[in-house]
C-alpha atoms as a PDB file:
ATOM      1  CA  UNK A   1      95.632  -9.959-215.451  1.00  0.00           C
ATOM      2  CA  UNK A   2      96.985  -7.882-218.345  1.00  0.00           C
ATOM      3  CA  UNK A   3      94.387  -7.385-221.126  1.00  0.00           C
ATOM      4  CA  UNK A   4      96.096  -8.542-224.325  1.00  0.00           C
ATOM      5  CA  UNK A   5      95.094  -8.135-227.967  1.00  0.00           C
ATOM      6  CA  UNK A   6      96.491 -10.261-230.807  1.00  0.00           C
ATOM      7  CA  UNK A   7      96.737  -8.502-234.180  1.00  0.00           C
ATOM      8  CA  UNK A   8      96.253 -11.039-236.950  1.00  0.00           C
ATOM      9  CA  UNK A   9      94.479 -14.394-236.840  1.00  0.00           C
ATOM     10  CA  UNK A  10      96.466 -16.405-239.351  1.00  0.00           C
ATOM     11  CA  UNK A  11      98.779 -19.267-238.436  1.00  0.00           C
ATOM     12  CA  UNK A  12     100.844 -17.340-235.876  1.00  0.00           C
ATOM     13  CA  UNK A  13      97.997 -15.517-234.180  1.00  0.00           C
ATOM     14  CA  UNK A  14      95.524 -18.403-234.126  1.00  0.00           C
ATOM     15  CA  UNK A  15      97.838 -21.333-233.439  1.00  0.00           C
ATOM     16  CA  UNK A  16     100.622 -19.820-231.327  1.00  0.00           C
ATOM     17  CA  UNK A  17      99.992 -16.463-229.703  1.00  0.00           C
ATOM     18  CA  UNK A  18      96.329 -16.594-228.714  1.00  0.00           C
ATOM     19  CA  UNK A  19      96.485 -20.052-227.088  1.00  0.00           C
ATOM     20  CA  UNK A  20      99.774 -19.318-225.312  1.00  0.00           C
ATOM     21  CA  UNK A  21      98.467 -15.997-223.973  1.00  0.00           C
ATOM     22  CA  UNK A  22      95.358 -17.764-222.656  1.00  0.00           C
ATOM     23  CA  UNK A  23      97.518 -20.210-220.702  1.00  0.00           C
ATOM     24  CA  UNK A  24      99.117 -17.482-218.585  1.00  0.00           C
ATOM     25  CA  UNK A  25      97.416 -16.514-215.323  1.00  0.00           C
ATOM     26  CA  UNK A  26      99.043 -13.082-215.538  1.00  0.00           C
ATOM     27  CA  UNK A  27      97.598 -12.357-219.000  1.00  0.00           C
ATOM     28  CA  UNK A  28      94.067 -12.174-220.354  1.00  0.00           C
ATOM     29  CA  UNK A  29      93.205 -12.659-224.020  1.00  0.00           C
ATOM     30  CA  UNK A  30      91.067  -9.558-224.437  1.00  0.00           C
ATOM     31  CA  UNK A  31      90.634  -9.321-228.198  1.00  0.00           C
ATOM     32  CA  UNK A  32      91.610 -10.188-231.760  1.00  0.00           C
ATOM     33  CA  UNK A  33      92.254  -7.731-234.599  1.00  0.00           C
ATOM     34  CA  UNK A  34      91.252  -9.041-238.041  1.00  0.00           C
ATOM     35  CA  UNK A  35      90.200  -6.941-241.018  1.00  0.00           C
ATOM     36  CA  UNK A  36      88.135  -9.712-242.611  1.00  0.00           C
ATOM     37  CA  UNK A  37      84.689  -9.943-240.904  1.00  0.00           C
ATOM     38  CA  UNK A  38      84.562 -13.699-241.473  1.00  0.00           C
ATOM     39  CA  UNK A  39      87.990 -14.232-239.865  1.00  0.00           C
ATOM     40  CA  UNK A  40      86.911 -12.006-236.978  1.00  0.00           C
ATOM     41  CA  UNK A  41      83.749 -14.053-236.480  1.00  0.00           C
ATOM     42  CA  UNK A  42      85.728 -17.297-236.577  1.00  0.00           C
ATOM     43  CA  UNK A  43      88.114 -15.921-233.941  1.00  0.00           C
ATOM     44  CA  UNK A  44      85.285 -14.975-231.611  1.00  0.00           C
ATOM     45  CA  UNK A  45      83.666 -18.375-232.068  1.00  0.00           C
ATOM     46  CA  UNK A  46      86.968 -20.056-231.262  1.00  0.00           C
ATOM     47  CA  UNK A  47      88.015 -18.016-228.220  1.00  0.00           C
ATOM     48  CA  UNK A  48      84.655 -17.292-226.608  1.00  0.00           C
ATOM     49  CA  UNK A  49      82.018 -14.610-226.242  1.00  0.00           C
ATOM     50  CA  UNK A  50      84.114 -12.564-223.831  1.00  0.00           C
ATOM     51  CA  UNK A  51      86.718 -11.894-226.541  1.00  0.00           C
ATOM     52  CA  UNK A  52      86.366  -8.646-228.462  1.00  0.00           C
ATOM     53  CA  UNK A  53      86.795  -8.398-232.206  1.00  0.00           C
ATOM     54  CA  UNK A  54      88.399  -5.321-233.764  1.00  0.00           C
ATOM     55  CA  UNK A  55      88.422  -4.453-237.449  1.00  0.00           C
ATOM     56  CA  UNK A  56      91.666  -2.471-237.176  1.00  0.00           C
ATOM     57  CA  UNK A  57      94.593  -1.793-234.892  1.00  0.00           C
ATOM     58  CA  UNK A  58      93.337   1.760-234.387  1.00  0.00           C
ATOM     59  CA  UNK A  59      90.046   0.392-233.091  1.00  0.00           C
ATOM     60  CA  UNK A  60      91.902  -1.775-230.590  1.00  0.00           C
ATOM     61  CA  UNK A  61      94.094   1.106-229.475  1.00  0.00           C
ATOM     62  CA  UNK A  62      90.966   3.188-228.871  1.00  0.00           C
ATOM     63  CA  UNK A  63      89.972   0.638-226.215  1.00  0.00           C
ATOM     64  CA  UNK A  64      91.407   1.962-222.918  1.00  0.00           C
ATOM     65  CA  UNK A  65      91.417  -1.517-221.394  1.00  0.00           C
ATOM     66  CA  UNK A  66      94.132  -2.803-223.754  1.00  0.00           C
ATOM     67  CA  UNK A  67      97.598  -2.927-222.170  1.00  0.00           C
ATOM     68  CA  UNK A  68      99.554  -5.416-224.296  1.00  0.00           C
ATOM     69  CA  UNK A  69      99.404  -5.851-228.088  1.00  0.00           C
ATOM     70  CA  UNK A  70     100.850  -8.835-229.953  1.00  0.00           C
ATOM     71  CA  UNK A  71     101.755  -8.270-233.621  1.00  0.00           C
ATOM     72  CA  UNK A  72     101.202 -11.532-235.543  1.00  0.00           C
ATOM     73  CA  UNK A  73     101.162 -10.185-239.094  1.00  0.00           C
ATOM     74  CA  UNK A  74     103.454 -10.464-242.166  1.00  0.00           C
ATOM     75  CA  UNK A  75     107.071  -9.541-241.502  1.00  0.00           C
ATOM     76  CA  UNK A  76     107.054  -6.371-243.592  1.00  0.00           C
ATOM     77  CA  UNK A  77     104.326  -4.846-241.393  1.00  0.00           C
ATOM     78  CA  UNK A  78     105.989  -5.409-238.016  1.00  0.00           C
ATOM     79  CA  UNK A  79     107.887  -2.132-237.737  1.00  0.00           C
ATOM     80  CA  UNK A  80     105.035   0.183-238.644  1.00  0.00           C
ATOM     81  CA  UNK A  81     102.482  -1.579-236.438  1.00  0.00           C
ATOM     82  CA  UNK A  82     104.830  -1.878-233.462  1.00  0.00           C
ATOM     83  CA  UNK A  83     105.680   1.825-233.622  1.00  0.00           C
ATOM     84  CA  UNK A  84     101.982   2.684-233.550  1.00  0.00           C
ATOM     85  CA  UNK A  85     101.380   0.405-230.575  1.00  0.00           C
ATOM     86  CA  UNK A  86     104.299   1.762-228.569  1.00  0.00           C
ATOM     87  CA  UNK A  87     103.544   5.392-229.303  1.00  0.00           C
ATOM     88  CA  UNK A  88      99.983   4.725-228.150  1.00  0.00           C
ATOM     89  CA  UNK A  89     101.567   3.799-224.758  1.00  0.00           C
ATOM     90  CA  UNK A  90     100.923   0.061-224.993  1.00  0.00           C
ATOM     91  CA  UNK A  91     103.383  -2.745-224.411  1.00  0.00           C
ATOM     92  CA  UNK A  92     104.221  -4.737-227.545  1.00  0.00           C
ATOM     93  CA  UNK A  93     105.227  -8.266-228.518  1.00  0.00           C
ATOM     94  CA  UNK A  94     106.217  -8.820-232.151  1.00  0.00           C
ATOM     95  CA  UNK A  95     106.259 -12.225-233.801  1.00  0.00           C
ATOM     96  CA  UNK A  96     109.659 -13.182-235.157  1.00  0.00           C
ATOM     97  CA  UNK A  97     111.382 -11.957-237.218  1.00  0.00           C
ATOM     98  CA  UNK A  98     111.483  -8.519-235.530  1.00  0.00           C
ATOM     99  CA  UNK A  99     111.552  -6.676-238.878  1.00  0.00           C
ATOM    100  CA  UNK A 100     113.126  -6.979-242.311  1.00  0.00           C
ATOM    101  CA  UNK A 101     115.894  -4.392-241.785  1.00  0.00           C
ATOM    102  CA  UNK A 102     117.971  -3.167-238.874  1.00  0.00           C
ATOM    103  CA  UNK A 103     116.851   0.375-239.685  1.00  0.00           C
ATOM    104  CA  UNK A 104     113.268  -0.705-238.984  1.00  0.00           C
ATOM    105  CA  UNK A 105     114.434  -2.339-235.747  1.00  0.00           C
ATOM    106  CA  UNK A 106     116.127   0.902-234.726  1.00  0.00           C
ATOM    107  CA  UNK A 107     112.875   2.818-235.252  1.00  0.00           C
ATOM    108  CA  UNK A 108     110.992   0.294-233.142  1.00  0.00           C
ATOM    109  CA  UNK A 109     113.515   0.567-230.322  1.00  0.00           C
ATOM    110  CA  UNK A 110     113.395   4.369-230.505  1.00  0.00           C
ATOM    111  CA  UNK A 111     109.598   4.225-230.204  1.00  0.00           C
ATOM    112  CA  UNK A 112     109.962   1.949-227.187  1.00  0.00           C
ATOM    113  CA  UNK A 113     112.355   4.373-225.547  1.00  0.00           C
ATOM    114  CA  UNK A 114     110.092   7.362-226.197  1.00  0.00           C
ATOM    115  CA  UNK A 115     107.062   5.558-224.840  1.00  0.00           C
ATOM    116  CA  UNK A 116     108.680   3.889-221.847  1.00  0.00           C
ATOM    117  CA  UNK A 117     106.810   0.678-222.703  1.00  0.00           C
ATOM    118  CA  UNK A 118     108.034  -2.875-223.226  1.00  0.00           C
ATOM    119  CA  UNK A 119     109.053  -4.302-226.594  1.00  0.00           C
ATOM    120  CA  UNK A 120     109.885  -7.992-227.041  1.00  0.00           C
ATOM    121  CA  UNK A 121     110.102 -10.444-229.953  1.00  0.00           C
ATOM    122  CA  UNK A 122     108.612 -13.953-229.986  1.00  0.00           C
ATOM    123  CA  UNK A 123     111.779 -16.058-230.175  1.00  0.00           C
ATOM    124  CA  UNK A 124     109.913 -18.917-228.532  1.00  0.00           C
ATOM    125  CA  UNK A 125     112.317 -21.554-229.786  1.00  0.00           C
ATOM    126  CA  UNK A 126     114.716 -20.695-227.010  1.00  0.00           C
ATOM    127  CA  UNK A 127     112.346 -23.020-225.119  1.00  0.00           C
ATOM    128  CA  UNK A 128     112.591 -25.897-227.629  1.00  0.00           C
ATOM    129  CA  UNK A 129     113.442 -29.264-226.101  1.00  0.00           C
ATOM    130  CA  UNK A 130     116.369 -29.974-228.412  1.00  0.00           C
ATOM    131  CA  UNK A 131     117.953 -26.569-227.741  1.00  0.00           C
ATOM    132  CA  UNK A 132     117.502 -26.933-223.976  1.00  0.00           C
ATOM    133  CA  UNK A 133     119.035 -30.423-224.130  1.00  0.00           C
ATOM    134  CA  UNK A 134     122.061 -29.251-226.102  1.00  0.00           C
ATOM    135  CA  UNK A 135     122.663 -26.370-223.715  1.00  0.00           C
ATOM    136  CA  UNK A 136     122.568 -28.804-220.796  1.00  0.00           C
ATOM    137  CA  UNK A 137     125.035 -31.146-222.531  1.00  0.00           C
ATOM    138  CA  UNK A 138     127.462 -28.256-223.018  1.00  0.00           C
ATOM    139  CA  UNK A 139     126.931 -26.827-219.519  1.00  0.00           C
ATOM    140  CA  UNK A 140     127.705 -30.252-218.035  1.00  0.00           C
ATOM    141  CA  UNK A 141     130.953 -30.436-220.009  1.00  0.00           C
ATOM    142  CA  UNK A 142     129.950 -33.676-221.703  1.00  0.00           C
ATOM    143  CA  UNK A 143     131.618 -32.835-225.028  1.00  0.00           C
ATOM    144  CA  UNK A 144     134.322 -30.538-223.703  1.00  0.00           C
ATOM    145  CA  UNK A 145     134.918 -27.272-225.554  1.00  0.00           C
ATOM    146  CA  UNK A 146     132.522 -26.846-228.511  1.00  0.00           C
ATOM    147  CA  UNK A 147     134.266 -26.565-231.864  1.00  0.00           C
ATOM    148  CA  UNK A 148     131.644 -27.069-234.578  1.00  0.00           C
ATOM    149  CA  UNK A 149     127.847 -26.781-234.628  1.00  0.00           C
ATOM    150  CA  UNK A 150     125.503 -27.718-237.455  1.00  0.00           C
ATOM    151  CA  UNK A 151     121.909 -26.629-236.796  1.00  0.00           C
ATOM    152  CA  UNK A 152     119.403 -27.587-239.477  1.00  0.00           C
ATOM    153  CA  UNK A 153     115.692 -27.705-240.218  1.00  0.00           C
ATOM    154  CA  UNK A 154     115.256 -29.162-243.693  1.00  0.00           C
ATOM    155  CA  UNK A 155     111.996 -30.372-245.195  1.00  0.00           C
ATOM    156  CA  UNK A 156     110.082 -30.450-248.463  1.00  0.00           C
ATOM    157  CA  UNK A 157     107.066 -28.139-248.407  1.00  0.00           C
ATOM    158  CA  UNK A 158     106.085 -25.115-250.471  1.00  0.00           C
ATOM    159  CA  UNK A 159     105.373 -21.981-248.437  1.00  0.00           C
ATOM    160  CA  UNK A 160     101.806 -20.700-248.462  1.00  0.00           C
ATOM    161  CA  UNK A 161     100.209 -17.276-248.416  1.00  0.00           C
ATOM    162  CA  UNK A 162     102.408 -14.253-247.805  1.00  0.00           C
ATOM    163  CA  UNK A 163     105.390 -16.445-246.862  1.00  0.00           C
ATOM    164  CA  UNK A 164     105.840 -17.148-250.585  1.00  0.00           C
ATOM    165  CA  UNK A 165     106.741 -13.507-251.259  1.00  0.00           C
ATOM    166  CA  UNK A 166     110.066 -11.857-250.502  1.00  0.00           C
ATOM    167  CA  UNK A 167     108.408  -8.460-250.193  1.00  0.00           C
ATOM    168  CA  UNK A 168     106.237  -9.674-247.315  1.00  0.00           C
ATOM    169  CA  UNK A 169     108.331 -12.405-245.709  1.00  0.00           C
ATOM    170  CA  UNK A 170     111.933 -11.620-246.577  1.00  0.00           C
ATOM    171  CA  UNK A 171     113.696 -14.878-247.410  1.00  0.00           C
ATOM    172  CA  UNK A 172     113.606 -18.436-246.134  1.00  0.00           C
ATOM    173  CA  UNK A 173     116.270 -17.284-243.664  1.00  0.00           C
ATOM    174  CA  UNK A 174     113.715 -14.921-242.082  1.00  0.00           C
ATOM    175  CA  UNK A 175     111.498 -17.885-241.161  1.00  0.00           C
ATOM    176  CA  UNK A 176     113.137 -20.879-239.455  1.00  0.00           C
ATOM    177  CA  UNK A 177     116.497 -19.271-240.122  1.00  0.00           C
ATOM    178  CA  UNK A 178     115.713 -16.423-237.720  1.00  0.00           C
ATOM    179  CA  UNK A 179     115.115 -18.922-234.900  1.00  0.00           C
ATOM    180  CA  UNK A 180     118.325 -20.802-235.650  1.00  0.00           C
ATOM    181  CA  UNK A 181     120.389 -17.609-235.749  1.00  0.00           C
ATOM    182  CA  UNK A 182     118.851 -16.480-232.453  1.00  0.00           C
ATOM    183  CA  UNK A 183     119.779 -19.810-230.866  1.00  0.00           C
ATOM    184  CA  UNK A 184     123.342 -19.479-232.180  1.00  0.00           C
ATOM    185  CA  UNK A 185     123.688 -16.019-230.645  1.00  0.00           C
ATOM    186  CA  UNK A 186     122.310 -17.314-227.329  1.00  0.00           C
ATOM    187  CA  UNK A 187     124.909 -20.073-226.962  1.00  0.00           C
ATOM    188  CA  UNK A 188     127.374 -17.817-225.145  1.00  0.00           C
ATOM    189  CA  UNK A 189     130.093 -18.262-227.762  1.00  0.00           C
ATOM    190  CA  UNK A 190     131.051 -14.579-227.738  1.00  0.00           C
ATOM    191  CA  UNK A 191     130.672 -12.232-230.704  1.00  0.00           C
ATOM    192  CA  UNK A 192     130.306 -13.620-234.206  1.00  0.00           C
ATOM    193  CA  UNK A 193     133.314 -12.236-236.094  1.00  0.00           C
ATOM    194  CA  UNK A 194     132.266 -12.830-239.711  1.00  0.00           C
ATOM    195  CA  UNK A 195     129.867 -14.855-241.824  1.00  0.00           C
ATOM    196  CA  UNK A 196     129.251 -16.266-245.256  1.00  0.00           C
ATOM    197  CA  UNK A 197     125.919 -17.355-246.705  1.00  0.00           C
ATOM    198  CA  UNK A 198     124.353 -19.066-249.687  1.00  0.00           C
ATOM    199  CA  UNK A 199     120.755 -19.319-250.865  1.00  0.00           C
ATOM    200  CA  UNK A 200     119.032 -21.293-253.603  1.00  0.00           C
ATOM    201  CA  UNK A 201     115.717 -20.372-255.229  1.00  0.00           C
ATOM    202  CA  UNK A 202     112.497 -22.303-254.725  1.00  0.00           C
ATOM    203  CA  UNK A 203     111.241 -24.494-257.597  1.00  0.00           C
ATOM    204  CA  UNK A 204     107.610 -23.378-257.330  1.00  0.00           C
ATOM    205  CA  UNK A 205     106.027 -20.721-259.514  1.00  0.00           C
ATOM    206  CA  UNK A 206     105.116 -17.588-257.563  1.00  0.00           C
ATOM    207  CA  UNK A 207     107.587 -18.260-254.737  1.00  0.00           C
ATOM    208  CA  UNK A 208     110.460 -15.780-254.619  1.00  0.00           C
ATOM    209  CA  UNK A 209     111.385 -16.056-250.921  1.00  0.00           C
ATOM    210  CA  UNK A 210     113.883 -18.847-251.528  1.00  0.00           C
ATOM    211  CA  UNK A 211     114.096 -22.609-251.262  1.00  0.00           C
ATOM    212  CA  UNK A 212     117.266 -23.362-249.294  1.00  0.00           C
ATOM    213  CA  UNK A 213     119.557 -21.188-247.201  1.00  0.00           C
ATOM    214  CA  UNK A 214     122.793 -21.671-245.293  1.00  0.00           C
ATOM    215  CA  UNK A 215     124.783 -19.297-243.072  1.00  0.00           C
ATOM    216  CA  UNK A 216     128.227 -20.073-241.657  1.00  0.00           C
ATOM    217  CA  UNK A 217     128.889 -18.002-238.533  1.00  0.00           C
ATOM    218  CA  UNK A 218     132.473 -17.713-237.302  1.00  0.00           C
ATOM    219  CA  UNK A 219     132.888 -17.174-233.565  1.00  0.00           C
ATOM    220  CA  UNK A 220     136.214 -17.235-231.724  1.00  0.00           C
ATOM    221  CA  UNK A 221     137.481 -20.780-232.377  1.00  0.00           C
ATOM    222  CA  UNK A 222     133.938 -22.021-233.057  1.00  0.00           C
ATOM    223  CA  UNK A 223     132.142 -22.534-236.373  1.00  0.00           C
ATOM    224  CA  UNK A 224     128.332 -22.508-236.305  1.00  0.00           C
ATOM    225  CA  UNK A 225     126.397 -23.463-239.439  1.00  0.00           C
ATOM    226  CA  UNK A 226     122.697 -22.647-239.748  1.00  0.00           C
ATOM    227  CA  UNK A 227     120.752 -24.354-242.533  1.00  0.00           C
ATOM    228  CA  UNK A 228     117.078 -24.366-243.457  1.00  0.00           C
ATOM    229  CA  UNK A 229     115.297 -25.766-246.486  1.00  0.00           C
ATOM    230  CA  UNK A 230     111.905 -26.125-248.115  1.00  0.00           C
ATOM    231  CA  UNK A 231     113.237 -28.300-250.932  1.00  0.00           C
ATOM    232  CA  UNK A 232     114.975 -31.084-249.022  1.00  0.00           C
ATOM    233  CA  UNK A 233     113.471 -34.564-249.469  1.00  0.00           C
ATOM    234  CA  UNK A 234     116.024 -36.217-247.196  1.00  0.00           C
ATOM    235  CA  UNK A 235     116.335 -35.662-243.450  1.00  0.00           C
ATOM    236  CA  UNK A 236     119.263 -34.014-241.724  1.00  0.00           C
ATOM    237  CA  UNK A 237     119.990 -34.107-237.979  1.00  0.00           C
ATOM    238  CA  UNK A 238     118.498 -31.188-236.104  1.00  0.00           C
ATOM    239  CA  UNK A 239     121.865 -30.827-234.333  1.00  0.00           C
ATOM    240  CA  UNK A 240     125.322 -32.204-235.104  1.00  0.00           C
ATOM    241  CA  UNK A 241     127.938 -30.903-232.668  1.00  0.00           C
ATOM    242  CA  UNK A 242     131.657 -31.600-232.301  1.00  0.00           C
ATOM    243  CA  UNK A 243     133.527 -30.821-229.097  1.00  0.00           C
ATOM    244  CA  UNK A 244     137.073 -31.337-227.867  1.00  0.00           C
ATOM    245  CA  UNK A 245     136.014 -34.363-225.791  1.00  0.00           C
ATOM    246  CA  UNK A 246     133.039 -35.770-227.639  1.00  0.00           C
ATOM    247  CA  UNK A 247     130.135 -35.264-229.994  1.00  0.00           C
ATOM    248  CA  UNK A 248     126.370 -34.902-229.869  1.00  0.00           C
ATOM    249  CA  UNK A 249     123.706 -35.563-232.486  1.00  0.00           C
ATOM    250  CA  UNK A 250     119.959 -35.016-232.264  1.00  0.00           C
ATOM    251  CA  UNK A 251     117.279 -35.765-234.845  1.00  0.00           C
ATOM    252  CA  UNK A 252     113.674 -34.618-234.922  1.00  0.00           C
ATOM    253  CA  UNK A 253     111.893 -31.296-234.481  1.00  0.00           C
ATOM    254  CA  UNK A 254     110.617 -30.088-231.112  1.00  0.00           C
ATOM    255  CA  UNK A 255     107.112 -31.582-230.657  1.00  0.00           C
ATOM    256  CA  UNK A 256     105.477 -28.592-228.939  1.00  0.00           C
ATOM    257  CA  UNK A 257     104.279 -26.882-232.134  1.00  0.00           C
ATOM    258  CA  UNK A 258     102.410 -29.948-233.352  1.00  0.00           C
ATOM    259  CA  UNK A 259     100.814 -30.476-229.936  1.00  0.00           C
ATOM    260  CA  UNK A 260      99.852 -26.804-229.585  1.00  0.00           C
ATOM    261  CA  UNK A 261      98.249 -26.728-233.034  1.00  0.00           C
ATOM    262  CA  UNK A 262      96.346 -29.888-232.113  1.00  0.00           C
ATOM    263  CA  UNK A 263      94.948 -28.099-229.066  1.00  0.00           C
ATOM    264  CA  UNK A 264      97.052 -29.329-226.142  1.00  0.00           C
ATOM    265  CA  UNK A 265     100.706 -28.385-225.870  1.00  0.00           C
ATOM    266  CA  UNK A 266     100.980 -30.328-222.614  1.00  0.00           C
ATOM    267  CA  UNK A 267     100.452 -33.516-224.623  1.00  0.00           C
ATOM    268  CA  UNK A 268     103.734 -32.956-226.498  1.00  0.00           C
ATOM    269  CA  UNK A 269     105.766 -36.152-226.525  1.00  0.00           C
ATOM    270  CA  UNK A 270     108.947 -37.391-228.109  1.00  0.00           C
ATOM    271  CA  UNK A 271     109.752 -41.037-228.871  1.00  0.00           C
ATOM    272  CA  UNK A 272     112.778 -42.346-226.997  1.00  0.00           C
ATOM    273  CA  UNK A 273     114.310 -43.166-230.373  1.00  0.00           C
ATOM    274  CA  UNK A 274     114.666 -39.419-230.987  1.00  0.00           C
ATOM    275  CA  UNK A 275     116.700 -38.763-227.851  1.00  0.00           C
ATOM    276  CA  UNK A 276     120.088 -37.205-228.481  1.00  0.00           C
ATOM    277  CA  UNK A 277     123.150 -39.412-228.848  1.00  0.00           C
ATOM    278  CA  UNK A 278     126.392 -38.625-227.053  1.00  0.00           C
ATOM    279  CA  UNK A 279     129.761 -40.109-227.975  1.00  0.00           C
ATOM    280  CA  UNK A 280     132.804 -39.515-225.792  1.00  0.00           C
ATOM    281  CA  UNK A 281     135.962 -41.148-224.431  1.00  0.00           C
ATOM    282  CA  UNK A 282     135.319 -43.159-221.274  1.00  0.00           C
ATOM    283  CA  UNK A 283     138.743 -42.307-219.902  1.00  0.00           C
ATOM    284  CA  UNK A 284     140.390 -45.510-221.075  1.00  0.00           C
ATOM    285  CA  UNK A 285     140.636 -44.625-224.733  1.00  0.00           C
ATOM    286  CA  UNK A 286     137.370 -46.349-225.602  1.00  0.00           C
ATOM    287  CA  UNK A 287     134.599 -44.372-227.291  1.00  0.00           C
ATOM    288  CA  UNK A 288     131.248 -44.984-225.623  1.00  0.00           C
ATOM    289  CA  UNK A 289     127.813 -44.031-226.876  1.00  0.00           C
ATOM    290  CA  UNK A 290     124.845 -43.132-224.700  1.00  0.00           C
ATOM    291  CA  UNK A 291     121.396 -41.629-225.003  1.00  0.00           C
ATOM    292  CA  UNK A 292     120.791 -38.166-223.559  1.00  0.00           C
ATOM    293  CA  UNK A 293     117.422 -37.710-221.816  1.00  0.00           C
ATOM    294  CA  UNK A 294     115.540 -34.816-223.391  1.00  0.00           C
ATOM    295  CA  UNK A 295     115.259 -31.633-221.325  1.00  0.00           C
ATOM    296  CA  UNK A 296     111.595 -30.674-221.538  1.00  0.00           C
ATOM    297  CA  UNK A 297     111.515 -26.922-221.611  1.00  0.00           C
ATOM    298  CA  UNK A 298     108.128 -25.317-222.285  1.00  0.00           C
ATOM    299  CA  UNK A 299     106.936 -22.616-224.677  1.00  0.00           C
ATOM    300  CA  UNK A 300     104.951 -21.187-221.756  1.00  0.00           C
ATOM    301  CA  UNK A 301     108.304 -19.765-220.701  1.00  0.00           C
ATOM    302  CA  UNK A 302     108.033 -16.905-223.179  1.00  0.00           C
ATOM    303  CA  UNK A 303     104.682 -15.416-222.147  1.00  0.00           C
ATOM    304  CA  UNK A 304     105.206 -16.335-218.501  1.00  0.00           C
ATOM    305  CA  UNK A 305     108.298 -14.113-218.613  1.00  0.00           C
ATOM    306  CA  UNK A 306     106.334 -11.311-220.336  1.00  0.00           C
ATOM    307  CA  UNK A 307     103.746 -11.373-217.547  1.00  0.00           C
ATOM    308  CA  UNK A 308     106.382 -11.529-214.808  1.00  0.00           C
ATOM    309  CA  UNK A 309     108.406  -8.739-216.402  1.00  0.00           C
ATOM    310  CA  UNK A 310     105.400  -6.437-216.682  1.00  0.00           C
ATOM    311  CA  UNK A 311     104.651  -7.176-213.016  1.00  0.00           C
ATOM    312  CA  UNK A 312     108.183  -6.076-212.135  1.00  0.00           C
ATOM    313  CA  UNK A 313     109.347  -9.501-210.975  1.00  0.00           C
ATOM    314  CA  UNK A 314     111.731 -10.617-213.758  1.00  0.00           C
ATOM    315  CA  UNK A 315     114.081  -9.132-216.329  1.00  0.00           C
ATOM    316  CA  UNK A 316     112.929  -9.511-219.923  1.00  0.00           C
ATOM    317  CA  UNK A 317     114.154 -12.767-221.475  1.00  0.00           C
ATOM    318  CA  UNK A 318     113.986 -11.713-225.150  1.00  0.00           C
ATOM    319  CA  UNK A 319     114.976  -8.098-225.595  1.00  0.00           C
ATOM    320  CA  UNK A 320     114.545  -5.963-228.682  1.00  0.00           C
ATOM    321  CA  UNK A 321     118.300  -5.472-228.848  1.00  0.00           C
ATOM    322  CA  UNK A 322     118.854  -9.237-229.036  1.00  0.00           C
ATOM    323  CA  UNK A 323     116.238  -9.573-231.767  1.00  0.00           C
ATOM    324  CA  UNK A 324     117.843  -6.710-233.700  1.00  0.00           C
ATOM    325  CA  UNK A 325     121.129  -8.647-233.749  1.00  0.00           C
ATOM    326  CA  UNK A 326     119.322 -11.507-235.494  1.00  0.00           C
ATOM    327  CA  UNK A 327     118.093  -9.091-238.162  1.00  0.00           C
ATOM    328  CA  UNK A 328     121.610  -7.658-238.560  1.00  0.00           C
ATOM    329  CA  UNK A 329     122.948 -11.173-239.147  1.00  0.00           C
ATOM    330  CA  UNK A 330     120.240 -11.833-241.743  1.00  0.00           C
ATOM    331  CA  UNK A 331     121.016  -8.561-243.516  1.00  0.00           C
ATOM    332  CA  UNK A 332     124.676  -9.553-243.722  1.00  0.00           C
ATOM    333  CA  UNK A 333     123.713 -13.036-244.948  1.00  0.00           C
ATOM    334  CA  UNK A 334     121.748 -11.522-247.827  1.00  0.00           C
ATOM    335  CA  UNK A 335     124.767  -9.418-248.812  1.00  0.00           C
ATOM    336  CA  UNK A 336     127.062 -12.446-248.618  1.00  0.00           C
ATOM    337  CA  UNK A 337     124.762 -14.611-250.705  1.00  0.00           C
ATOM    338  CA  UNK A 338     124.168 -11.920-253.309  1.00  0.00           C
ATOM    339  CA  UNK A 339     127.769 -10.755-253.672  1.00  0.00           C
ATOM    340  CA  UNK A 340     129.515 -14.062-252.846  1.00  0.00           C
ATOM    341  CA  UNK A 341     131.630 -12.436-250.149  1.00  0.00           C
ATOM    342  CA  UNK A 342     132.523 -12.980-246.506  1.00  0.00           C
ATOM    343  CA  UNK A 343     130.986 -10.217-244.395  1.00  0.00           C
ATOM    344  CA  UNK A 344     132.784  -8.975-241.252  1.00  0.00           C
ATOM    345  CA  UNK A 345     130.901  -8.456-237.970  1.00  0.00           C
ATOM    346  CA  UNK A 346     130.754  -8.378-235.079  1.00  0.00           C
ATOM    347  CA  UNK A 347     127.262  -9.503-234.060  1.00  0.00           C
ATOM    348  CA  UNK A 348     126.036 -10.563-230.649  1.00  0.00           C
ATOM    349  CA  UNK A 349     128.357 -11.400-227.808  1.00  0.00           C
END
């Protein structure tokens, strides 16, 4: 079992990383880093007496037992902390988004290469049920050649804590938007040739990280729109996809986050009413509609792969180079939104 330390015990560290690490037989939750003594005490009470509490990253890195460090801190701190971890000869997982600039990503990758250790980014939503279902629909040829994707997560909720601030979080596109861009780049559509983007401010005082963002990614003969909102009082489909031979629509957000935060990810469930809908020609010129059974991927897939990779049994599923491409897309989106221009790529592919 690989002794693992989670740096930060806010939403990401407490609700995602620590419980998912504990579920893996190849990993051991060894400790939590939290500067606040009260937060540290709460973490130890939550995870058990065998868990160590560290007041700083340096204190954790002074512990020779630590082999893997998970960075679950504000986005603007990822690069500096990851470099320190890697150069201390520890493996490193960074919560998404990898960093706020591609230059920071490059420094992180250089530190990985100098250290010879692993660096990965927590793009766990590659294991979302809706994404897995859509990929299966396309792999089975049920809609023919994909032409147009709309991928959206739109809700009405003010961000809290550091996520309100552009200096710490980046923009709204660096939150859910980073996941949606990563999914777009993982669809096997080839390189993204150019993009355009638009962002609207948030209506709440003290929030400068944005309220609504949209990116239109142009692949070869495929258009992929990513949209995320904090100011949307009306639902949008999670996926709306047009293909040469049919279409697919899916509503509802993957249920694993809610179940994990409630204490049991295995209890995640989705009502049958939220199954995807497929419309296609039945071969006689008639359009038929059918439900698509949900493919139940599992967020365990991320940390299971980390453990297997470190044991030498699997290639790394989420590489630093892939995560850097997401950041490059987000950088270009900020330029497009600010300057009202189309930005040429390529990205991914």
